[in-house]
Amino acid sequence: MAQGKQIFRSWVPEWLIRLTILLVLFPTVMLFALSTANVNAATGFYGAEPQDIQFSMLVYYASLVAFTPLEKRFFSRIATKEYFLICLVLQVLVTFWCYHTREIPILFICRFLEGILNCGVTSICLTLLFSRLKSEHAREVGYAIFYGMILCSGSLTSLVTAPLVDDYEYNALYKMIIYAFVPGAVLLLLLMNKVHLVRRMPLYQLDWTSFFLYAPMLIMLGYVMIYGQQYYWLEDPRIVWSMVGAVVLALAFVVRQLYRKRPFINMEVFRSRAFLFGILLLGGLYLIRGSFNVTTNYFSTVLGMDPLHTYELLSYNLVGIVIGTIISARLVIRKRPLQFIWLAGFLGLLVFHCSMYFLFASEANQTAFILPLMIQGWGAGMLLTPVVLFIISSVPESVSVSASTAGVFIRYTFFGMSTALINYFSLYFTKTHAMRMSDGISRVDNGLQERLQTYQAALQLRGLMADQAAKLAPGLLEKAVQKQAFLKYAMDYYELVVILILVLMLLIVMTPYIINRTVINVKAKQPAAATV
């Protein structure tokens, strides 16, 4: 790697270098969550289903995961400044294409290309970030900063974009991202010298075959997870053939890796018990993190909060993430036991889900959610960076890149699985509870008549005529039933998440021999190009 003084011009102050790196990294991270910043606005703009918008994010994620092993070859061959300029220009062009299209298939293509280009920008930013941190534990701090931004990306993107969605068409978000790239990109190009940040390698024998096996497999897997519930799983041939295709491509990919001299992913990493334990924790963490969407849906569906006020409330969650990330980084640097750090983090998530179980109600005071949201953010911040560092450190340095790449695959899979589970249980539990409540309602029920009269009187107070109020009152009753059904679903789903958290905490307590044998050491390990 180039020396620190060679990367940037000698007259540039250190604070400006670090600020520039963060200015480039921020819109790069935001781009991931942009497609789901406001699902309702996106579905209205594209005339699509919510599943289409969710799938567009998984397409982006899949291309990012698949291109990660290839990206490092391009990064090592092309001078960093020119490589950044190429990635930036192409990313702006593709994002501008997203801005102009209203066609979902074209959006999928654009998001796939954005994921590939995101690998390059992320790789440059991470390597530059690590080069500017001069302490003995620079890499631990660098990973903490980056993963803290990853945890904040969803809520922060939605908070920043909420006013734009209210005042402009949904596609204005892509124009905003283009403008957000400009300050950091211009500064970085002006301040950098023409250097190679890593050792140069010839650009030949690129394993494109593995890429074209891996990427379609990931997309088919994502398609099954997102659309399976909508198409009734195995009853639809599209889901059946997607599952068959994903399995066939996965088998072909694994066989190819076993017999290649330079595999896309070295399968030796899966022989490490510590690595397997780490990816188990990582997958569980992503399932638990995904349940946070139930809380945001509760704020909008039951409490009727608009997106801006919802994400203003979630800013307390961002504060918790920052605090948790800082604390976990300090504990890792001081070599505190990982068991203690992980148990503390999962305890925070347990407290949050138990608190929300009792806070779910048709009416609530917003201030009651501030502390639980901060605790949830603190718990997530305590967990992600230590778990990732554990995974990278659990294998020899020679296969650490494969470990990081496999970790990206695990995050993709469990991120999609979390979305699939929420889609499934929201329909299953909501339908079940709605039917039970509807069965208990009859028009000869005195309580029902009183409720209808209450709704009718409320509508008349708003200026409606008596006959109009009588027609609209049953609709309000049905809406109240749906709200109660959602509350029951949210409580049932959080019960399942609490059980999962307890199981993971029990595993951590019962496996000290696996955890204690792994020493966190990432000083000599190159970061993966895509670590989202």
Protein backbone atom coordinates (compact mmCIF):
# COMPACT_ATOMS: atom_id res chain seq x y z
CA MET A 1 0.00 0.00 0.00
CA ALA A 2 1.10 3.53 -0.64
CA GLN A 3 2.43 5.49 2.29
CA GLY A 4 0.07 7.96 3.94
CA LYS A 5 2.04 11.02 2.78
CA GLN A 6 1.89 9.81 -0.84
CA ILE A 7 -1.85 9.30 -1.05
CA PHE A 8 -2.88 12.93 -0.53
CA ARG A 9 -1.17 16.19 -1.38
CA SER A 10 1.22 17.38 1.31
CA TRP A 11 -0.59 20.64 2.04
CA VAL A 12 -3.93 19.00 2.84
CA PRO A 13 -4.83 19.03 6.58
CA GLU A 14 -5.78 15.71 8.15
CA TRP A 15 -9.24 16.85 9.22
CA LEU A 16 -10.13 17.72 5.62
CA ILE A 17 -8.99 14.30 4.40
CA ARG A 18 -11.15 12.48 6.93
CA LEU A 19 -14.13 14.73 6.23
CA THR A 20 -13.77 14.10 2.49
CA ILE A 21 -13.73 10.32 2.98
CA LEU A 22 -16.91 10.49 5.06
CA LEU A 23 -18.58 12.80 2.51
CA VAL A 24 -17.98 10.16 -0.17
CA LEU A 25 -18.94 7.24 2.05
CA PHE A 26 -22.22 8.75 3.28
CA PRO A 27 -24.13 8.85 -0.06
CA THR A 28 -22.61 5.46 -0.98
CA VAL A 29 -24.19 3.91 2.13
CA MET A 30 -27.44 5.81 1.58
CA LEU A 31 -27.76 4.37 -1.93
CA PHE A 32 -28.37 0.92 -0.45
CA ALA A 33 -31.49 1.91 1.49
CA LEU A 34 -32.78 4.42 -1.05
CA SER A 35 -35.21 2.08 -2.84
CA THR A 36 -37.11 1.40 0.39
CA ALA A 37 -36.84 4.88 1.93
CA ASN A 38 -40.62 5.22 1.48
CA VAL A 39 -42.22 2.06 0.10
CA ASN A 40 -45.70 3.60 -0.24
CA ALA A 41 -44.38 6.53 -2.28
CA ALA A 42 -42.29 4.18 -4.43
CA THR A 43 -45.22 1.86 -5.19
CA GLY A 44 -47.35 4.83 -6.16
CA PHE A 45 -44.67 6.30 -8.42
CA TYR A 46 -43.83 3.07 -10.24
CA GLY A 47 -47.33 1.59 -10.15
CA ALA A 48 -45.84 -1.50 -8.52
CA GLU A 49 -46.42 -3.82 -5.58
CA PRO A 50 -44.49 -3.39 -2.31
CA GLN A 51 -42.74 -6.70 -3.07
CA ASP A 52 -41.31 -5.17 -6.27
CA ILE A 53 -39.68 -2.39 -4.27
CA GLN A 54 -38.29 -4.86 -1.74
CA PHE A 55 -36.94 -7.02 -4.56
CA SER A 56 -35.19 -4.02 -6.14
CA MET A 57 -33.17 -3.65 -2.95
CA LEU A 58 -32.28 -7.35 -2.96
CA VAL A 59 -31.19 -7.10 -6.61
CA TYR A 60 -28.85 -4.27 -5.59
CA TYR A 61 -27.60 -6.33 -2.65
CA ALA A 62 -27.13 -9.47 -4.81
CA SER A 63 -24.95 -7.71 -7.37
CA LEU A 64 -22.88 -6.17 -4.59
CA VAL A 65 -22.37 -9.59 -2.97
CA ALA A 66 -21.55 -11.34 -6.25
CA PHE A 67 -19.08 -8.74 -7.52
CA THR A 68 -17.13 -8.48 -4.26
CA PRO A 69 -14.54 -11.20 -5.10
CA LEU A 70 -13.92 -9.72 -8.57
CA GLU A 71 -13.71 -6.11 -7.48
CA LYS A 72 -10.41 -6.43 -5.66
CA ARG A 73 -8.70 -7.36 -8.94
CA PHE A 74 -9.86 -4.13 -10.61
CA PHE A 75 -8.94 -2.13 -7.50
CA SER A 76 -5.40 -3.51 -7.51
CA ARG A 77 -4.85 -2.99 -11.23
CA ILE A 78 -6.07 0.60 -11.79
CA ALA A 79 -4.63 3.66 -10.05
CA THR A 80 -6.96 4.60 -7.20
CA LYS A 81 -7.77 8.10 -8.42
CA GLU A 82 -8.68 6.92 -11.94
CA TYR A 83 -10.58 3.93 -10.53
CA PHE A 84 -12.62 6.19 -8.28
CA LEU A 85 -13.39 8.53 -11.16
CA ILE A 86 -14.54 5.63 -13.36
CA CYS A 87 -16.79 4.19 -10.62
CA LEU A 88 -18.17 7.61 -9.74
CA VAL A 89 -19.03 8.64 -13.31
CA LEU A 90 -20.68 5.30 -14.05
CA GLN A 91 -22.59 5.38 -10.76
CA VAL A 92 -23.90 8.88 -11.46
CA LEU A 93 -24.98 7.82 -14.97
CA VAL A 94 -26.82 4.75 -13.69
CA THR A 95 -28.44 6.74 -10.87
CA PHE A 96 -29.53 9.33 -13.45
CA TRP A 97 -31.08 6.47 -15.42
CA CYS A 98 -32.97 5.46 -12.25
CA TYR A 99 -34.21 9.03 -12.00
CA HIS A 100 -35.68 8.95 -15.50
CA THR A 101 -37.32 5.52 -15.54
CA ARG A 102 -40.74 4.50 -14.34
CA GLU A 103 -40.42 0.89 -15.55
CA ILE A 104 -39.81 -1.69 -12.84
CA PRO A 105 -37.71 -4.05 -15.06
CA ILE A 106 -35.40 -1.16 -15.98
CA LEU A 107 -35.19 -0.18 -12.31
CA PHE A 108 -34.06 -3.73 -11.49
CA ILE A 109 -31.29 -3.47 -14.11
CA CYS A 110 -30.18 -0.09 -12.79
CA ARG A 111 -30.09 -1.31 -9.20
CA PHE A 112 -28.01 -4.32 -10.25
CA LEU A 113 -25.47 -2.04 -11.92
CA GLU A 114 -25.46 0.30 -8.92
CA GLY A 115 -24.55 -2.60 -6.66
CA ILE A 116 -21.55 -3.50 -8.83
CA LEU A 117 -20.31 0.09 -8.94
CA ASN A 118 -20.89 0.53 -5.21
CA CYS A 119 -18.25 -2.16 -4.59
CA GLY A 120 -15.53 0.04 -6.08
CA VAL A 121 -16.43 3.22 -4.20
CA THR A 122 -16.84 1.35 -0.90
CA SER A 123 -13.51 -0.43 -1.31
CA ILE A 124 -11.69 2.86 -1.96
CA CYS A 125 -13.34 4.60 0.98
CA LEU A 126 -12.61 1.78 3.43
CA THR A 127 -8.97 1.51 2.39
CA LEU A 128 -8.52 5.30 2.62
CA LEU A 129 -10.26 5.36 5.98
CA PHE A 130 -7.95 2.70 7.39
CA SER A 131 -4.90 4.51 6.01
CA ARG A 132 -5.79 7.72 7.87
CA LEU A 133 -6.25 6.06 11.28
CA LYS A 134 -2.75 5.94 12.73
CA SER A 135 -3.37 4.20 16.04
CA GLU A 136 -2.46 0.60 16.81
CA HIS A 137 -6.14 -0.36 16.50
CA ALA A 138 -6.88 1.60 13.34
CA ARG A 139 -8.70 -1.24 11.63
CA GLU A 140 -10.97 -1.94 14.57
CA VAL A 141 -11.89 1.76 14.67
CA GLY A 142 -12.35 1.85 10.89
CA TYR A 143 -14.69 -1.14 10.92
CA ALA A 144 -16.63 0.38 13.83
CA ILE A 145 -17.13 3.64 11.92
CA PHE A 146 -18.24 1.88 8.76
CA TYR A 147 -20.59 -0.62 10.40
CA GLY A 148 -22.04 2.14 12.54
CA MET A 149 -22.91 3.96 9.31
CA ILE A 150 -24.41 0.75 7.91
CA LEU A 151 -26.68 0.38 10.95
CA CYS A 152 -27.75 4.01 10.66
CA SER A 153 -28.27 3.92 6.89
CA GLY A 154 -31.91 2.85 6.77
CA SER A 155 -33.34 5.27 9.34
CA LEU A 156 -31.00 8.10 8.37
CA THR A 157 -31.84 7.78 4.66
CA SER A 158 -35.55 7.80 5.40
CA LEU A 159 -35.20 10.80 7.72
CA VAL A 160 -33.25 12.80 5.13
CA THR A 161 -35.55 11.89 2.23
CA ALA A 162 -38.91 12.24 4.03
CA PRO A 163 -39.29 16.00 3.28
CA LEU A 164 -38.39 15.41 -0.38
CA VAL A 165 -41.01 12.68 -0.78
CA ASP A 166 -43.65 15.04 0.65
CA ASP A 167 -42.85 17.84 -1.79
CA TYR A 168 -41.62 16.09 -4.95
CA GLU A 169 -42.03 12.93 -7.01
CA TYR A 170 -40.33 9.84 -5.61
CA ASN A 171 -37.62 9.80 -8.30
CA ALA A 172 -36.29 13.10 -6.93
CA LEU A 173 -34.47 10.97 -4.35
CA TYR A 174 -32.11 9.70 -7.04
CA LYS A 175 -31.34 13.26 -8.11
CA MET A 176 -30.62 14.11 -4.48
CA ILE A 177 -28.11 11.22 -4.30
CA ILE A 178 -26.36 12.51 -7.42
CA TYR A 179 -25.98 15.95 -5.83
CA ALA A 180 -24.84 14.35 -2.57
CA PHE A 181 -21.94 12.67 -4.39
CA VAL A 182 -20.59 15.95 -5.77
CA PRO A 183 -18.90 17.64 -2.73
CA GLY A 184 -16.99 14.59 -1.53
CA ALA A 185 -16.10 13.41 -5.04
CA VAL A 186 -14.72 16.78 -6.14
CA LEU A 187 -12.69 17.15 -2.96
CA LEU A 188 -11.29 13.62 -3.17
CA LEU A 189 -10.21 14.05 -6.80
CA LEU A 190 -8.55 17.38 -6.00
CA LEU A 191 -6.73 16.17 -2.88
CA MET A 192 -5.48 12.75 -4.02
CA ASN A 193 -2.27 11.95 -5.83
CA LYS A 194 -2.07 9.29 -8.51
CA VAL A 195 -1.15 6.23 -6.42
CA HIS A 196 -2.04 2.57 -5.98
CA LEU A 197 -3.37 1.83 -2.52
CA VAL A 198 -2.69 -1.91 -2.85
CA ARG A 199 -0.08 -4.00 -4.63
CA ARG A 200 -0.64 -4.04 -8.38
CA MET A 201 -1.86 -7.27 -9.91
CA PRO A 202 -2.35 -8.09 -13.61
CA LEU A 203 -5.94 -8.04 -14.79
CA TYR A 204 -6.19 -11.53 -16.27
CA GLN A 205 -7.84 -14.88 -15.44
CA LEU A 206 -10.86 -13.13 -13.98
CA ASP A 207 -13.37 -15.76 -12.92
CA TRP A 208 -16.38 -14.39 -14.75
CA THR A 209 -17.91 -17.88 -14.90
CA SER A 210 -18.23 -18.00 -11.11
CA PHE A 211 -19.74 -14.52 -11.15
CA PHE A 212 -22.39 -15.55 -13.70
CA LEU A 213 -23.22 -18.58 -11.56
CA TYR A 214 -23.24 -16.68 -8.28
CA ALA A 215 -25.20 -13.54 -9.24
CA PRO A 216 -28.23 -15.30 -10.85
CA MET A 217 -28.32 -17.75 -7.94
CA LEU A 218 -28.54 -14.87 -5.46
CA ILE A 219 -31.22 -13.11 -7.51
CA MET A 220 -33.30 -16.29 -7.77
CA LEU A 221 -32.95 -16.82 -4.03
CA GLY A 222 -34.08 -13.26 -3.41
CA TYR A 223 -37.00 -13.71 -5.82
CA VAL A 224 -38.20 -16.75 -3.89
CA MET A 225 -37.91 -15.00 -0.53
CA ILE A 226 -39.74 -11.85 -1.64
CA TYR A 227 -42.43 -13.23 -3.97
CA GLY A 228 -42.94 -16.68 -2.42
CA GLN A 229 -45.74 -15.57 -0.12
CA GLN A 230 -47.44 -13.51 -2.82
CA TYR A 231 -47.49 -16.44 -5.27
CA TYR A 232 -48.37 -19.12 -2.65
CA TRP A 233 -44.92 -20.72 -2.72
CA LEU A 234 -44.83 -24.12 -4.43
CA GLU A 235 -48.26 -23.65 -5.99
CA ASP A 236 -46.75 -21.27 -8.55
CA PRO A 237 -44.32 -22.55 -11.24
CA ARG A 238 -42.31 -19.29 -11.09
CA ILE A 239 -41.36 -19.99 -7.48
CA VAL A 240 -40.72 -23.69 -8.16
CA TRP A 241 -38.40 -23.02 -11.10
CA SER A 242 -36.64 -20.22 -9.24
CA MET A 243 -35.94 -22.59 -6.36
CA VAL A 244 -34.71 -25.30 -8.73
CA GLY A 245 -32.54 -22.79 -10.59
CA ALA A 246 -31.05 -21.43 -7.35
CA VAL A 247 -30.19 -24.93 -6.10
CA VAL A 248 -28.63 -26.02 -9.42
CA LEU A 249 -26.56 -22.85 -9.73
CA ALA A 250 -25.47 -23.08 -6.08
CA LEU A 251 -24.28 -26.67 -6.55
CA ALA A 252 -22.43 -25.77 -9.76
CA PHE A 253 -20.84 -22.78 -8.03
CA VAL A 254 -19.66 -24.83 -5.01
CA VAL A 255 -18.23 -27.59 -7.20
CA ARG A 256 -16.36 -25.03 -9.27
CA GLN A 257 -14.84 -23.45 -6.16
CA LEU A 258 -13.64 -26.81 -4.86
CA TYR A 259 -11.62 -27.49 -8.00
CA ARG A 260 -10.25 -24.05 -8.83
CA LYS A 261 -6.76 -22.96 -7.86
CA ARG A 262 -7.97 -19.43 -7.12
CA PRO A 263 -11.59 -19.86 -5.99
CA PHE A 264 -14.15 -17.08 -5.80
CA ILE A 265 -14.78 -18.17 -2.20
CA ASN A 266 -12.37 -20.59 -0.55
CA MET A 267 -14.57 -23.30 0.97
CA GLU A 268 -11.90 -23.99 3.60
CA VAL A 269 -13.45 -21.24 5.71
CA PHE A 270 -16.48 -23.42 6.43
CA ARG A 271 -14.26 -25.96 8.21
CA SER A 272 -13.67 -23.51 11.06
CA ARG A 273 -16.09 -23.99 13.95
CA ALA A 274 -15.47 -20.43 15.11
CA PHE A 275 -16.35 -19.12 11.64
CA LEU A 276 -19.57 -21.17 11.55
CA PHE A 277 -20.48 -19.92 15.01
CA GLY A 278 -19.80 -16.34 13.92
CA ILE A 279 -22.00 -16.52 10.83
CA LEU A 280 -24.74 -18.14 12.95
CA LEU A 281 -24.67 -15.11 15.25
CA LEU A 282 -24.54 -12.75 12.27
CA GLY A 283 -27.55 -14.41 10.64
CA GLY A 284 -29.51 -14.31 13.89
CA LEU A 285 -28.63 -10.65 14.36
CA TYR A 286 -29.96 -9.80 10.91
CA LEU A 287 -33.21 -11.67 11.59
CA ILE A 288 -33.60 -9.74 14.84
CA ARG A 289 -32.70 -6.41 13.22
CA GLY A 290 -35.27 -7.05 10.50
CA SER A 291 -38.04 -7.19 13.10
CA PHE A 292 -37.45 -3.48 13.70
CA ASN A 293 -39.56 -2.89 10.57
CA VAL A 294 -42.57 -4.10 12.57
CA THR A 295 -42.08 -1.19 14.95
CA THR A 296 -41.83 1.37 12.13
CA ASN A 297 -44.95 -0.12 10.51
CA TYR A 298 -46.73 0.14 13.86
CA PHE A 299 -45.94 3.85 14.08
CA SER A 300 -47.45 4.49 10.64
CA THR A 301 -50.25 1.89 10.50
CA VAL A 302 -51.67 2.06 14.03
CA LEU A 303 -50.55 5.40 15.42
CA GLY A 304 -51.01 7.12 12.04
CA MET A 305 -47.68 8.95 12.13
CA ASP A 306 -46.48 10.45 8.84
CA PRO A 307 -43.02 9.42 7.56
CA LEU A 308 -41.28 12.61 8.71
CA HIS A 309 -42.48 12.31 12.33
CA THR A 310 -41.83 8.56 12.31
CA TYR A 311 -38.20 8.97 11.36
CA GLU A 312 -37.74 11.95 13.65
CA LEU A 313 -38.71 9.58 16.45
CA LEU A 314 -36.29 6.98 15.08
CA SER A 315 -33.46 9.52 15.41
CA TYR A 316 -33.25 8.34 19.04
CA ASN A 317 -32.46 4.90 17.65
CA LEU A 318 -29.56 6.48 15.73
CA VAL A 319 -28.24 7.97 18.96
CA GLY A 320 -28.33 4.51 20.54
CA ILE A 321 -26.45 3.01 17.58
CA VAL A 322 -23.68 5.60 17.87
CA ILE A 323 -23.32 5.01 21.62
CA GLY A 324 -23.34 1.23 21.23
CA THR A 325 -20.80 1.27 18.40
CA ILE A 326 -18.41 3.47 20.36
CA ILE A 327 -18.69 1.32 23.49
CA SER A 328 -18.25 -1.96 21.59
CA ALA A 329 -15.18 -0.62 19.76
CA ARG A 330 -13.61 0.46 23.06
CA LEU A 331 -14.32 -2.92 24.64
CA VAL A 332 -12.83 -4.80 21.67
CA ILE A 333 -9.71 -2.63 21.71
CA ARG A 334 -9.30 -3.26 25.44
CA LYS A 335 -9.68 -7.00 24.73
CA ARG A 336 -12.69 -7.46 26.96
CA PRO A 337 -14.34 -10.92 26.66
CA LEU A 338 -16.51 -11.23 23.57
CA GLN A 339 -19.04 -13.23 25.57
CA PHE A 340 -19.65 -10.19 27.78
CA ILE A 341 -19.99 -7.81 24.79
CA TRP A 342 -22.37 -10.10 22.90
CA LEU A 343 -24.50 -10.91 25.93
CA ALA A 344 -24.81 -7.21 26.72
CA GLY A 345 -25.84 -6.45 23.14
CA PHE A 346 -28.42 -9.23 22.93
CA LEU A 347 -29.72 -8.23 26.37
CA GLY A 348 -30.38 -4.74 24.96
CA LEU A 349 -32.31 -6.23 22.04
CA LEU A 350 -34.22 -8.47 24.45
CA VAL A 351 -35.22 -5.50 26.60
CA PHE A 352 -36.39 -3.62 23.50
CA HIS A 353 -38.61 -6.42 22.19
CA CYS A 354 -40.09 -7.13 25.62
CA SER A 355 -40.78 -3.41 26.11
CA MET A 356 -42.45 -3.07 22.71
CA TYR A 357 -44.59 -6.13 23.44
CA PHE A 358 -46.22 -4.21 26.28
CA LEU A 359 -46.16 -0.82 24.52
CA PHE A 360 -48.06 -1.98 21.43
CA ALA A 361 -51.45 -0.27 21.77
CA SER A 362 -53.94 1.53 19.55
CA GLU A 363 -53.06 4.81 21.27
CA ALA A 364 -49.74 5.75 22.80
CA ASN A 365 -47.57 8.66 23.84
CA GLN A 366 -44.55 9.06 21.55
CA THR A 367 -42.22 9.81 24.45
CA ALA A 368 -42.80 6.28 25.78
CA PHE A 369 -40.84 4.86 22.83
CA ILE A 370 -37.73 7.02 23.18
CA LEU A 371 -35.87 4.84 25.69
CA PRO A 372 -36.72 1.48 24.02
CA LEU A 373 -35.58 2.85 20.65
CA MET A 374 -32.29 4.02 22.13
CA ILE A 375 -31.80 0.62 23.80
CA GLN A 376 -32.46 -1.17 20.50
CA GLY A 377 -29.88 0.97 18.74
CA TRP A 378 -27.40 0.47 21.56
CA GLY A 379 -27.84 -3.31 21.40
CA ALA A 380 -27.36 -3.45 17.62
CA GLY A 381 -24.32 -1.18 17.86
CA MET A 382 -22.81 -3.42 20.54
CA LEU A 383 -23.13 -6.50 18.33
CA LEU A 384 -22.43 -5.92 14.65
CA THR A 385 -18.80 -4.78 14.68
CA PRO A 386 -17.58 -7.38 17.24
CA VAL A 387 -19.37 -10.20 15.37
CA VAL A 388 -17.84 -9.18 12.01
CA LEU A 389 -14.36 -8.82 13.54
CA PHE A 390 -14.77 -12.26 15.13
CA ILE A 391 -15.70 -13.81 11.76
CA ILE A 392 -12.70 -12.26 9.99
CA SER A 393 -10.35 -13.27 12.81
CA SER A 394 -11.63 -16.85 13.03
CA VAL A 395 -9.77 -17.99 9.89
CA PRO A 396 -6.13 -17.78 8.73
CA GLU A 397 -5.03 -14.59 6.98
CA SER A 398 -4.72 -16.43 3.65
CA VAL A 399 -8.49 -17.02 3.48
CA SER A 400 -9.69 -13.94 5.39
CA VAL A 401 -11.01 -12.32 2.20
CA SER A 402 -13.11 -15.44 1.57
CA ALA A 403 -14.41 -15.23 5.13
CA SER A 404 -15.43 -11.62 4.59
CA THR A 405 -17.04 -12.50 1.26
CA ALA A 406 -18.95 -15.39 2.80
CA GLY A 407 -20.08 -13.04 5.56
CA VAL A 408 -21.55 -10.70 2.97
CA PHE A 409 -23.49 -13.67 1.54
CA ILE A 410 -24.83 -14.52 5.01
CA ARG A 411 -25.97 -10.93 5.54
CA TYR A 412 -27.72 -10.94 2.17
CA THR A 413 -29.45 -14.27 2.84
CA PHE A 414 -30.70 -13.44 6.30
CA PHE A 415 -31.66 -9.91 5.31
CA GLY A 416 -33.90 -11.41 2.61
CA MET A 417 -35.10 -14.13 4.97
CA SER A 418 -36.11 -11.52 7.55
CA THR A 419 -38.17 -9.69 4.89
CA ALA A 420 -39.76 -13.00 3.83
CA LEU A 421 -40.64 -13.93 7.41
CA ILE A 422 -42.25 -10.56 8.07
CA ASN A 423 -44.25 -10.83 4.83
CA TYR A 424 -45.40 -14.33 5.79
CA PHE A 425 -46.24 -13.76 9.44
CA SER A 426 -47.87 -10.38 8.82
CA LEU A 427 -50.34 -12.07 6.48
CA TYR A 428 -50.75 -15.20 8.59
CA PHE A 429 -51.15 -13.62 12.02
CA THR A 430 -53.13 -10.60 10.80
CA LYS A 431 -55.57 -12.79 8.88
CA THR A 432 -55.91 -15.23 11.78
CA HIS A 433 -56.61 -12.55 14.37
CA ALA A 434 -58.90 -10.57 12.07
CA MET A 435 -61.02 -13.67 11.45
CA ARG A 436 -61.21 -14.44 15.16
CA MET A 437 -62.32 -10.91 16.00
CA SER A 438 -64.80 -10.82 13.12
CA ASP A 439 -66.32 -14.13 14.28
CA GLY A 440 -67.01 -12.55 17.63
CA ILE A 441 -68.83 -9.59 16.10
CA SER A 442 -72.51 -9.69 15.17
CA ARG A 443 -75.01 -6.98 14.48
CA VAL A 444 -77.23 -8.17 17.35
CA ASP A 445 -74.37 -7.54 19.76
CA ASN A 446 -75.27 -4.56 21.95
CA GLY A 447 -71.59 -3.63 22.29
CA LEU A 448 -71.26 -3.53 18.52
CA GLN A 449 -74.24 -1.23 18.14
CA GLU A 450 -72.86 1.12 20.75
CA ARG A 451 -69.51 1.21 18.94
CA LEU A 452 -71.21 1.95 15.60
CA GLN A 453 -73.25 4.70 17.22
CA THR A 454 -70.08 6.18 18.68
CA TYR A 455 -68.43 6.26 15.25
CA GLN A 456 -71.57 7.69 13.71
CA ALA A 457 -71.76 10.46 16.32
CA ALA A 458 -68.08 11.29 15.80
CA LEU A 459 -68.62 11.59 12.05
CA GLN A 460 -71.64 13.82 12.54
CA LEU A 461 -69.60 16.11 14.76
CA ARG A 462 -67.23 16.51 11.80
CA GLY A 463 -70.11 17.80 9.69
CA LEU A 464 -71.44 14.70 7.92
CA MET A 465 -75.15 14.07 7.52
CA ALA A 466 -76.72 11.29 9.59
CA ASP A 467 -77.25 8.95 6.63
CA GLN A 468 -73.68 9.43 5.40
CA ALA A 469 -72.31 8.85 8.89
CA ALA A 470 -74.32 5.64 9.17
CA LYS A 471 -72.79 4.35 5.93
CA LEU A 472 -69.23 5.21 6.92
CA ALA A 473 -69.38 3.93 10.52
CA PRO A 474 -68.96 0.22 9.58
CA GLY A 475 -65.84 1.16 7.64
CA LEU A 476 -64.35 2.77 10.73
CA LEU A 477 -65.20 -0.36 12.70
CA GLU A 478 -63.45 -2.52 10.11
CA LYS A 479 -60.40 -0.25 10.29
CA ALA A 480 -60.35 -0.62 14.09
CA VAL A 481 -60.50 -4.41 13.72
CA GLN A 482 -57.55 -4.32 11.30
CA LYS A 483 -55.57 -2.20 13.75
CA GLN A 484 -56.20 -4.67 16.54
CA ALA A 485 -55.24 -7.54 14.24
CA PHE A 486 -51.96 -5.77 13.43
CA LEU A 487 -51.26 -5.27 17.12
CA LYS A 488 -51.83 -8.96 17.80
CA TYR A 489 -49.54 -9.88 14.89
CA ALA A 490 -46.80 -7.52 16.14
CA MET A 491 -46.99 -9.02 19.63
CA ASP A 492 -46.90 -12.60 18.30
CA TYR A 493 -43.94 -11.87 16.03
CA TYR A 494 -41.99 -10.20 18.82
CA GLU A 495 -42.64 -13.25 20.99
CA LEU A 496 -40.87 -15.36 18.37
CA VAL A 497 -37.99 -12.87 18.20
CA VAL A 498 -37.62 -12.94 21.99
CA ILE A 499 -37.32 -16.74 21.84
CA LEU A 500 -34.64 -16.42 19.14
CA ILE A 501 -32.67 -13.91 21.24
CA LEU A 502 -32.81 -16.21 24.28
CA VAL A 503 -31.59 -19.16 22.18
CA LEU A 504 -28.64 -17.14 20.87
CA MET A 505 -27.74 -15.92 24.36
CA LEU A 506 -27.85 -19.51 25.58
CA LEU A 507 -25.51 -20.60 22.77
CA ILE A 508 -23.06 -17.82 23.69
CA VAL A 509 -23.05 -18.93 27.33
CA MET A 510 -22.62 -22.62 26.41
CA THR A 511 -19.74 -22.22 23.90
CA PRO A 512 -16.91 -20.34 25.64
CA TYR A 513 -14.33 -22.76 24.20
CA ILE A 514 -15.15 -21.58 20.66
CA ILE A 515 -15.28 -17.88 21.48
CA ASN A 516 -12.21 -17.67 23.71
CA ARG A 517 -9.93 -19.47 21.23
CA THR A 518 -10.40 -16.70 18.66
CA VAL A 519 -8.31 -13.56 19.15
CA ILE A 520 -9.53 -10.43 17.37
CA ASN A 521 -6.76 -9.56 14.92
CA VAL A 522 -7.49 -7.72 11.65
CA LYS A 523 -4.29 -5.68 11.36
CA ALA A 524 -3.00 -7.49 8.29
CA LYS A 525 -6.32 -8.34 6.66
CA GLN A 526 -7.58 -6.47 3.65
CA PRO A 527 -11.23 -5.33 3.96
CA ALA A 528 -13.77 -6.77 1.58
CA ALA A 529 -14.86 -4.51 -1.22
CA ALA A 530 -18.48 -4.82 -0.17
CA THR A 531 -19.18 -4.97 3.51
CA VAL A 532 -22.80 -3.90 3.59
